[in-house]
PDB file of N, CA and C in Angstrom:
ATOM      1  N   MET A   1      88.588   7.844 145.729  1.00  0.00           N
ATOM      2  CA  MET A   1      89.745   8.326 144.702  1.00  0.00           C
ATOM      3  C   MET A   1      88.693   8.662 143.121  1.00  0.00           C
ATOM      4  N   ASP A   2      89.813   9.435 143.007  1.00  0.00           N
ATOM      5  CA  ASP A   2      88.936  10.162 141.395  1.00  0.00           C
ATOM      6  C   ASP A   2      89.505   8.803 140.567  1.00  0.00           C
ATOM      7  N   ALA A   3      89.029   9.022 138.990  1.00  0.00           N
ATOM      8  CA  ALA A   3      89.107   8.030 138.145  1.00  0.00           C
ATOM      9  C   ALA A   3      90.404   7.811 137.777  1.00  0.00           C
ATOM     10  N   ALA A   4      91.692   8.601 138.189  1.00  0.00           N
ATOM     11  CA  ALA A   4      92.446   8.535 137.772  1.00  0.00           C
ATOM     12  C   ALA A   4      94.135   7.395 138.645  1.00  0.00           C
ATOM     13  N   GLY A   5      93.337   7.149 139.565  1.00  0.00           N
ATOM     14  CA  GLY A   5      94.113   6.440 140.734  1.00  0.00           C
ATOM     15  C   GLY A   5      94.343   7.649 141.874  1.00  0.00           C
ATOM     16  N   TYR A   6      94.105   8.962 141.885  1.00  0.00           N
ATOM     17  CA  TYR A   6      94.853   9.404 142.948  1.00  0.00           C
ATOM     18  C   TYR A   6      93.766  10.262 144.171  1.00  0.00           C
ATOM     19  N   VAL A   7      94.512  10.140 145.248  1.00  0.00           N
ATOM     20  CA  VAL A   7      93.292  10.539 146.504  1.00  0.00           C
ATOM     21  C   VAL A   7      93.714  11.990 146.558  1.00  0.00           C
ATOM     22  N   THR A   8      92.337  12.246 147.043  1.00  0.00           N
ATOM     23  CA  THR A   8      91.752  13.489 146.603  1.00  0.00           C
ATOM     24  C   THR A   8      92.710  14.215 148.419  1.00  0.00           C
ATOM     25  N   PRO A   9      92.542  15.155 148.513  1.00  0.00           N
ATOM     26  CA  PRO A   9      92.963  15.532 149.994  1.00  0.00           C
ATOM     27  C   PRO A   9      91.987  16.048 151.290  1.00  0.00           C
ATOM     28  N   GLU A  10      91.149  15.470 150.516  1.00  0.00           N
ATOM     29  CA  GLU A  10      89.335  15.961 151.326  1.00  0.00           C
ATOM     30  C   GLU A  10      90.198  14.738 151.911  1.00  0.00           C
ATOM     31  N   GLU A  11      89.496  12.991 151.085  1.00  0.00           N
ATOM     32  CA  GLU A  11      90.001  12.158 151.221  1.00  0.00           C
ATOM     33  C   GLU A  11      91.311  11.616 152.615  1.00  0.00           C
ATOM     34  N   VAL A  12      92.723  11.713 151.999  1.00  0.00           N
ATOM     35  CA  VAL A  12      93.534  12.246 153.303  1.00  0.00           C
ATOM     36  C   VAL A  12      93.060  12.905 154.510  1.00  0.00           C
ATOM     37  N   ARG A  13      92.392  13.817 154.312  1.00  0.00           N
ATOM     38  CA  ARG A  13      92.006  14.340 155.692  1.00  0.00           C
ATOM     39  C   ARG A  13      91.074  13.628 156.621  1.00  0.00           C
ATOM     40  N   LEU A  14      90.658  12.716 156.112  1.00  0.00           N
ATOM     41  CA  LEU A  14      89.457  12.214 156.526  1.00  0.00           C
ATOM     42  C   LEU A  14      89.789  10.891 157.224  1.00  0.00           C
ATOM     43  N   ALA A  15      90.812  10.017 156.512  1.00  0.00           N
ATOM     44  CA  ALA A  15      91.767   9.085 157.123  1.00  0.00           C
ATOM     45  C   ALA A  15      92.990   9.845 158.079  1.00  0.00           C
ATOM     46  N   LEU A  16      93.651  10.573 157.897  1.00  0.00           N
ATOM     47  CA  LEU A  16      93.772  11.374 159.346  1.00  0.00           C
ATOM     48  C   LEU A  16      93.272  11.403 160.532  1.00  0.00           C
ATOM     49  N   ARG A  17      92.298  11.796 160.244  1.00  0.00           N
ATOM     50  CA  ARG A  17      90.968  12.008 161.488  1.00  0.00           C
ATOM     51  C   ARG A  17      90.163  10.831 162.004  1.00  0.00           C
ATOM     52  N   LYS A  18      90.433   9.985 161.154  1.00  0.00           N
ATOM     53  CA  LYS A  18      90.000   8.592 161.545  1.00  0.00           C
ATOM     54  C   LYS A  18      91.487   8.110 161.988  1.00  0.00           C
ATOM     55  N   LEU A  19      92.304   8.025 162.245  1.00  0.00           N
ATOM     56  CA  LEU A  19      93.023   7.141 162.229  1.00  0.00           C
ATOM     57  C   LEU A  19      93.847   8.359 163.971  1.00  0.00           C
ATOM     58  N   HIS A  20      93.769   9.572 164.275  1.00  0.00           N
ATOM     59  CA  HIS A  20      94.297  10.326 165.002  1.00  0.00           C
ATOM     60  C   HIS A  20      92.690  10.292 166.508  1.00  0.00           C
ATOM     61  N   SER A  21      91.571   9.905 165.622  1.00  0.00           N
ATOM     62  CA  SER A  21      90.440   9.585 166.950  1.00  0.00           C
ATOM     63  C   SER A  21      90.680   8.485 167.286  1.00  0.00           C
ATOM     64  N   GLU A  22      91.256   7.076 166.508  1.00  0.00           N
ATOM     65  CA  GLU A  22      91.709   5.945 167.737  1.00  0.00           C
ATOM     66  C   GLU A  22      92.503   5.639 168.253  1.00  0.00           C
ATOM     67  N   ASP A  23      93.477   6.812 168.215  1.00  0.00           N
ATOM     68  CA  ASP A  23      94.945   6.524 168.562  1.00  0.00           C
ATOM     69  C   ASP A  23      94.244   7.183 170.275  1.00  0.00           C
ATOM     70  N   ILE A  24      95.357   6.359 171.224  1.00  0.00           N
ATOM     71  CA  ILE A  24      95.074   6.777 172.534  1.00  0.00           C
ATOM     72  C   ILE A  24      95.415   7.907 172.787  1.00  0.00           C
ATOM     73  N   GLU A  25      97.314   7.813 172.640  1.00  0.00           N
ATOM     74  CA  GLU A  25      97.407   8.546 172.507  1.00  0.00           C
ATOM     75  C   GLU A  25      97.725  10.674 172.502  1.00  0.00           C
ATOM     76  N   THR A  26      96.549  10.882 171.112  1.00  0.00           N
ATOM     77  CA  THR A  26      95.990  11.771 171.044  1.00  0.00           C
ATOM     78  C   THR A  26      94.933  12.211 171.549  1.00  0.00           C
ATOM     79  N   ASN A  27      94.051  11.181 172.703  1.00  0.00           N
ATOM     80  CA  ASN A  27      93.227  11.295 173.047  1.00  0.00           C
ATOM     81  C   ASN A  27      93.240  11.724 174.925  1.00  0.00           C
ATOM     82  N   PRO A  28      93.846  12.852 175.452  1.00  0.00           N
ATOM     83  CA  PRO A  28      93.890  12.800 176.559  1.00  0.00           C
ATOM     84  C   PRO A  28      93.228  11.547 178.121  1.00  0.00           C
ATOM     85  N   LYS A  29      91.442  11.732 177.711  1.00  0.00           N
ATOM     86  CA  LYS A  29      90.584  10.868 177.976  1.00  0.00           C
ATOM     87  C   LYS A  29      91.106   9.212 178.108  1.00  0.00           C
ATOM     88  N   LYS A  30      91.660   9.027 177.185  1.00  0.00           N
ATOM     89  CA  LYS A  30      91.617   8.098 176.611  1.00  0.00           C
ATOM     90  C   LYS A  30      93.075   7.423 177.295  1.00  0.00           C
ATOM     91  N   ALA A  31      94.345   8.284 177.553  1.00  0.00           N
ATOM     92  CA  ALA A  31      95.800   8.243 177.508  1.00  0.00           C
ATOM     93  C   ALA A  31      95.815   8.122 178.747  1.00  0.00           C
ATOM     94  N   LEU A  32      94.334   8.475 180.137  1.00  0.00           N
ATOM     95  CA  LEU A  32      94.514   8.709 181.697  1.00  0.00           C
ATOM     96  C   LEU A  32      93.734   7.866 181.097  1.00  0.00           C
ATOM     97  N   ARG A  33      93.213   6.815 181.203  1.00  0.00           N
ATOM     98  CA  ARG A  33      92.064   6.171 180.934  1.00  0.00           C
ATOM     99  C   ARG A  33      93.095   4.427 181.752  1.00  0.00           C
ATOM    100  N   GLN A  34      94.124   4.763 180.668  1.00  0.00           N
ATOM    101  CA  GLN A  34      94.371   3.642 180.082  1.00  0.00           C
ATOM    102  C   GLN A  34      95.737   3.315 180.805  1.00  0.00           C
ATOM    103  N   ALA A  35      96.150   4.256 181.296  1.00  0.00           N
ATOM    104  CA  ALA A  35      97.194   5.022 182.473  1.00  0.00           C
ATOM    105  C   ALA A  35      96.405   4.580 183.817  1.00  0.00           C
ATOM    106  N   PHE A  36      95.679   4.321 184.194  1.00  0.00           N
ATOM    107  CA  PHE A  36      95.199   4.322 185.582  1.00  0.00           C
ATOM    108  C   PHE A  36      94.360   2.466 185.473  1.00  0.00           C
ATOM    109  N   VAL A  37      93.961   2.115 184.376  1.00  0.00           N
ATOM    110  CA  VAL A  37      93.723   0.381 183.746  1.00  0.00           C
ATOM    111  C   VAL A  37      94.443  -0.310 184.767  1.00  0.00           C
ATOM    112  N   ASP A  38      93.997  -1.654 185.433  1.00  0.00           N
ATOM    113  CA  ASP A  38      94.705  -3.009 185.692  1.00  0.00           C
ATOM    114  C   ASP A  38      95.123  -3.553 184.870  1.00  0.00           C
ATOM    115  N   ASP A  39      96.520  -3.532 185.017  1.00  0.00           N
ATOM    116  CA  ASP A  39      97.617  -4.011 184.042  1.00  0.00           C
ATOM    117  C   ASP A  39      96.899  -5.928 183.694  1.00  0.00           C
ATOM    118  N   LEU A  40      97.588  -6.109 185.209  1.00  0.00           N
ATOM    119  CA  LEU A  40      96.252  -7.797 184.484  1.00  0.00           C
ATOM    120  C   LEU A  40      94.875  -8.303 183.966  1.00  0.00           C
ATOM    121  N   LYS A  41      94.894  -7.776 184.281  1.00  0.00           N
ATOM    122  CA  LYS A  41      92.662  -7.944 183.997  1.00  0.00           C
ATOM    123  C   LYS A  41      92.561  -6.375 183.720  1.00  0.00           C
ATOM    124  N   PRO A  42      92.070  -5.746 182.410  1.00  0.00           N
ATOM    125  CA  PRO A  42      91.834  -4.374 182.422  1.00  0.00           C
ATOM    126  C   PRO A  42      90.151  -4.393 182.415  1.00  0.00           C
ATOM    127  N   VAL A  43      89.567  -5.089 181.916  1.00  0.00           N
ATOM    128  CA  VAL A  43      88.191  -5.759 182.171  1.00  0.00           C
ATOM    129  C   VAL A  43      87.227  -6.626 182.775  1.00  0.00           C
ATOM    130  N   ASP A  44      86.305  -6.655 183.747  1.00  0.00           N
ATOM    131  CA  ASP A  44      85.609  -7.070 184.402  1.00  0.00           C
ATOM    132  C   ASP A  44      85.069  -8.426 183.761  1.00  0.00           C
ATOM    133  N   GLU A  45      84.400  -9.642 184.146  1.00  0.00           N
ATOM    134  CA  GLU A  45      82.845 -10.869 183.559  1.00  0.00           C
ATOM    135  C   GLU A  45      82.431  -9.141 182.661  1.00  0.00           C
ATOM    136  N   ARG A  46      82.076  -8.584 183.556  1.00  0.00           N
ATOM    137  CA  ARG A  46      80.609  -7.473 183.086  1.00  0.00           C
ATOM    138  C   ARG A  46      80.502  -6.688 181.785  1.00  0.00           C
ATOM    139  N   GLY A  47      82.340  -6.597 181.334  1.00  0.00           N
ATOM    140  CA  GLY A  47      82.946  -5.222 180.408  1.00  0.00           C
ATOM    141  C   GLY A  47      83.249  -4.489 180.485  1.00  0.00           C
ATOM    142  N   ARG A  48      83.113  -4.129 181.736  1.00  0.00           N
ATOM    143  CA  ARG A  48      83.050  -3.057 183.122  1.00  0.00           C
ATOM    144  C   ARG A  48      84.891  -2.537 182.902  1.00  0.00           C
ATOM    145  N   TRP A  49      84.974  -1.359 183.261  1.00  0.00           N
ATOM    146  CA  TRP A  49      86.772  -0.616 182.929  1.00  0.00           C
ATOM    147  C   TRP A  49      87.128  -0.909 184.094  1.00  0.00           C
ATOM    148  N   LYS A  50      88.267  -1.855 184.889  1.00  0.00           N
ATOM    149  CA  LYS A  50      88.788  -1.686 186.128  1.00  0.00           C
ATOM    150  C   LYS A  50      90.265  -1.090 186.525  1.00  0.00           C
ATOM    151  N   PRO A  51      89.870  -0.206 187.624  1.00  0.00           N
ATOM    152  CA  PRO A  51      91.071   0.645 187.407  1.00  0.00           C
ATOM    153  C   PRO A  51      91.873  -0.355 188.351  1.00  0.00           C
ATOM    154  N   SER A  52      93.159  -0.401 188.453  1.00  0.00           N
ATOM    155  CA  SER A  52      94.757  -0.585 189.123  1.00  0.00           C
ATOM    156  C   SER A  52      94.463  -0.729 190.577  1.00  0.00           C
ATOM    157  N   SER A  53      95.059  -1.490 191.416  1.00  0.00           N
ATOM    158  CA  SER A  53      94.438  -1.696 192.903  1.00  0.00           C
ATOM    159  C   SER A  53      95.409   0.152 193.736  1.00  0.00           C
ATOM    160  N   LEU A  54      96.501  -0.465 192.713  1.00  0.00           N
ATOM    161  CA  LEU A  54      97.407   0.616 192.939  1.00  0.00           C
ATOM    162  C   LEU A  54      96.509   2.162 193.317  1.00  0.00           C
ATOM    163  N   VAL A  55      95.751   1.831 192.312  1.00  0.00           N
ATOM    164  CA  VAL A  55      95.080   3.736 192.218  1.00  0.00           C
ATOM    165  C   VAL A  55      94.169   3.320 193.724  1.00  0.00           C
ATOM    166  N   ILE A  56      93.279   2.140 193.505  1.00  0.00           N
ATOM    167  CA  ILE A  56      92.335   2.472 194.440  1.00  0.00           C
ATOM    168  C   ILE A  56      93.028   2.174 196.369  1.00  0.00           C
ATOM    169  N   LEU A  57      94.502   2.017 196.359  1.00  0.00           N
ATOM    170  CA  LEU A  57      94.862   2.387 197.596  1.00  0.00           C
ATOM    171  C   LEU A  57      95.266   3.746 197.427  1.00  0.00           C
ATOM    172  N   VAL A  58      95.861   4.403 196.470  1.00  0.00           N
ATOM    173  CA  VAL A  58      96.343   5.566 196.638  1.00  0.00           C
ATOM    174  C   VAL A  58      94.703   6.263 197.057  1.00  0.00           C
ATOM    175  N   GLY A  59      93.582   5.963 196.242  1.00  0.00           N
ATOM    176  CA  GLY A  59      92.148   6.779 196.805  1.00  0.00           C
ATOM    177  C   GLY A  59      92.022   6.910 198.307  1.00  0.00           C
ATOM    178  N   PHE A  60      92.072   5.558 198.999  1.00  0.00           N
ATOM    179  CA  PHE A  60      91.423   5.354 200.350  1.00  0.00           C
ATOM    180  C   PHE A  60      92.448   5.885 201.260  1.00  0.00           C
ATOM    181  N   LEU A  61      93.812   5.876 200.717  1.00  0.00           N
ATOM    182  CA  LEU A  61      94.864   6.743 201.667  1.00  0.00           C
ATOM    183  C   LEU A  61      94.911   8.242 201.710  1.00  0.00           C
ATOM    184  N   ILE A  62      94.182   8.971 200.930  1.00  0.00           N
ATOM    185  CA  ILE A  62      93.964  10.280 200.524  1.00  0.00           C
ATOM    186  C   ILE A  62      92.638   9.988 201.221  1.00  0.00           C
ATOM    187  N   CYS A  63      91.662   9.689 201.277  1.00  0.00           N
ATOM    188  CA  CYS A  63      90.495   9.897 202.209  1.00  0.00           C
ATOM    189  C   CYS A  63      91.145  10.081 203.743  1.00  0.00           C
ATOM    190  N   ALA A  64      91.862   8.732 203.812  1.00  0.00           N
ATOM    191  CA  ALA A  64      92.032   9.200 205.408  1.00  0.00           C
ATOM    192  C   ALA A  64      93.288   9.603 205.691  1.00  0.00           C
ATOM    193  N   LEU A  65      93.834   9.968 204.993  1.00  0.00           N
ATOM    194  CA  LEU A  65      94.213  11.888 205.484  1.00  0.00           C
ATOM    195  C   LEU A  65      92.920  13.250 205.233  1.00  0.00           C
ATOM    196  N   LEU A  66      92.841  12.622 204.604  1.00  0.00           N
ATOM    197  CA  LEU A  66      92.340  13.880 204.651  1.00  0.00           C
ATOM    198  C   LEU A  66      90.745  13.945 205.590  1.00  0.00           C
ATOM    199  N   GLY A  67      90.703  12.619 206.281  1.00  0.00           N
ATOM    200  CA  GLY A  67      89.256  12.233 207.442  1.00  0.00           C
ATOM    201  C   GLY A  67      90.110  13.270 209.067  1.00  0.00           C
ATOM    202  N   VAL A  68      91.418  12.722 209.482  1.00  0.00           N
ATOM    203  CA  VAL A  68      92.275  12.809 210.376  1.00  0.00           C
ATOM    204  C   VAL A  68      92.642  14.297 210.217  1.00  0.00           C
ATOM    205  N   PHE A  69      92.833  15.072 208.732  1.00  0.00           N
ATOM    206  CA  PHE A  69      93.083  16.578 209.283  1.00  0.00           C
ATOM    207  C   PHE A  69      91.373  17.196 209.327  1.00  0.00           C
ATOM    208  N   LEU A  70      91.104  16.858 209.007  1.00  0.00           N
ATOM    209  CA  LEU A  70      88.681  17.506 208.981  1.00  0.00           C
ATOM    210  C   LEU A  70      89.359  17.375 210.439  1.00  0.00           C
ATOM    211  N   TYR A  71      89.678  15.699 211.147  1.00  0.00           N
ATOM    212  CA  TYR A  71      89.044  15.791 212.174  1.00  0.00           C
ATOM    213  C   TYR A  71      89.720  16.339 213.500  1.00  0.00           C
ATOM    214  N   PHE A  72      90.962  16.714 212.667  1.00  0.00           N
ATOM    215  CA  PHE A  72      92.044  17.528 213.922  1.00  0.00           C
ATOM    216  C   PHE A  72      91.773  18.809 213.587  1.00  0.00           C
ATOM    217  N   SER A  73      91.300  19.330 212.363  1.00  0.00           N
ATOM    218  CA  SER A  73      91.121  20.610 212.051  1.00  0.00           C
ATOM    219  C   SER A  73      90.042  21.533 213.117  1.00  0.00           C
ATOM    220  N   LEU A  74      88.933  20.740 212.803  1.00  0.00           N
ATOM    221  CA  LEU A  74      87.103  21.130 212.637  1.00  0.00           C
ATOM    222  C   LEU A  74      86.842  20.378 213.872  1.00  0.00           C
ATOM    223  N   GLY A  75      87.177  18.985 214.405  1.00  0.00           N
ATOM    224  CA  GLY A  75      86.751  18.257 214.813  1.00  0.00           C
ATOM    225  C   GLY A  75      87.074  18.734 216.591  1.00  0.00           C
ATOM    226  N   ARG A  76      88.051  19.141 216.979  1.00  0.00           N
ATOM    227  CA  ARG A  76      88.565  19.265 218.394  1.00  0.00           C
ATOM    228  C   ARG A  76      88.357  21.350 218.734  1.00  0.00           C
ATOM    229  N   SER A  77      88.013  21.824 217.576  1.00  0.00           N
ATOM    230  CA  SER A  77      87.279  23.429 217.726  1.00  0.00           C
ATOM    231  C   SER A  77      85.602  22.840 218.071  1.00  0.00           C
ATOM    232  N   LEU A  78      84.790  21.838 218.268  1.00  0.00           N
ATOM    233  CA  LEU A  78      83.435  22.225 218.063  1.00  0.00           C
ATOM    234  C   LEU A  78      83.675  21.544 219.368  1.00  0.00           C
TER     235      LEU A  78
END
């Protein structure tokens, strides 16, 4: 702030940048991570990110379907 107590435009820009950098909704990486986090316990005992059980289940289901598809499309021709 200057001597008269006014806020300069540069200080306003810096404050807005700081506010937007900490906001989850403006950062796509943080928003996606927040969407897939476990609702009951988002961080484990070691402080690492813990995914939702639904995300893990969907991942395993996609891997199983991909395996079945590859078996019946490539495995039968060999």
